[in-house]
């Protein structure tokens, strides 16, 4: 397998460090709009805790690419004879990369799907354009090409969706509700506000209308931060207040798993929610450019990009972070005629991920899942054509291989 990885930020760099220990691929080209970041990700493999592994000469290479330039991405895929494009950029670039992979005859994998657009008149009641809608519109083209577009294959979405399919296949006869629940006790020394993940994506997820699925109603929306609940997370993290947030699982899981209700709730915390609300109130969450004075005259900048530039890069926070992060899927239903509730989960301790891989917990936990999926595609355990989510595949091989990567998952009866 020959891989083109686009995006050499925190998650992209963690992908290279995890993949370097595995022998399932022949070559990985790491590309970024900032060539120095791609070059650093490749050069760092020998010293950043990548560990022993197949380090053949030329197995990793760096390149510069503009992720919005479809033709340039297509050309790079063809020139490097890549079998798959892995998208580790933010969601703004999903569609050009998605189309470029299709044009080049390559498989495609992402961790976040095409962007949503709220309903024009009833944003907090009805869906407009949903997450992933633009990608599913091209499903027939992908199926005819014989190529696989594996969408939403990160942590959430990704592993959480694998858990949902596993619960449906192995643990329940019928499912009343599936709720993805994400929480952590992470702190960052020296910062009052320092998101552990890409702030552009975080704002997009948290301030857009959350989507809820109900079998008798379909998909609908609510205002941000609704339906608060306190969820007790495992392995010492403890109770965290979680609220509704827009996320891909709610759009993916019902396509392949029969459930009465599907939700996603994120443990943000009151201070984090208040900060996001203030950003929204003053317009700093907007992506449309505004005109501001510059040294050589007026310039246009995106307010959200300004916020991102003012905050620390999450990939650089690992040495200052303390604690654990947990992602998982809570499922309620019937087994053998009796009520059952379980929470399938995955916990990463930042101290472990920094020591073992040199990557902070949140980005490492996101990055391990696409690498596992790539290995399953490479060895033929996962096969398919079209636009498919993680739920479309047998969960057993994925969960077994995740353990082989040294990252076990857990199951708690509720």
Foldseek 3Di string as FASTA:
>chain_A
DEEEEEDLAQLNLLLCLLCQADDLDQAYEYEYQPQVSQVCSVVCNVPQQSDDHPPDPRRYHYYYDDLQDLVVLLVVCQVRVGQEYEYPDDQVSQVSNLVSCLVNLHAYEYQFFHAFDADPPCRAWAGDRAGRNVQQVCQVSFQVSQHEHAYNCFQFSNVQLLQLLCCQVPPAPAFAEKEKEKDWPKDFPPDPDADLDQQLNVLRFQQGFAWKQFPVPGITTHGGFPDWDWDQDDDPRGTAIWGFTHGCCRVANVVQGDYRIYTYIYRQDDVRVVVSVVCVVVVLSFQFWDWDADPVGIDTGGSVVVVSVVHDRSFPRLVRMFTKIKIWMWTWDHDPRHTWIKIKMFMDGSVVCCVNRVGGHPSSSRNVRVSLVVSCVSVVQDGDTGYHYPSVHNSVSSQVVCVVSVTHIDMDTD
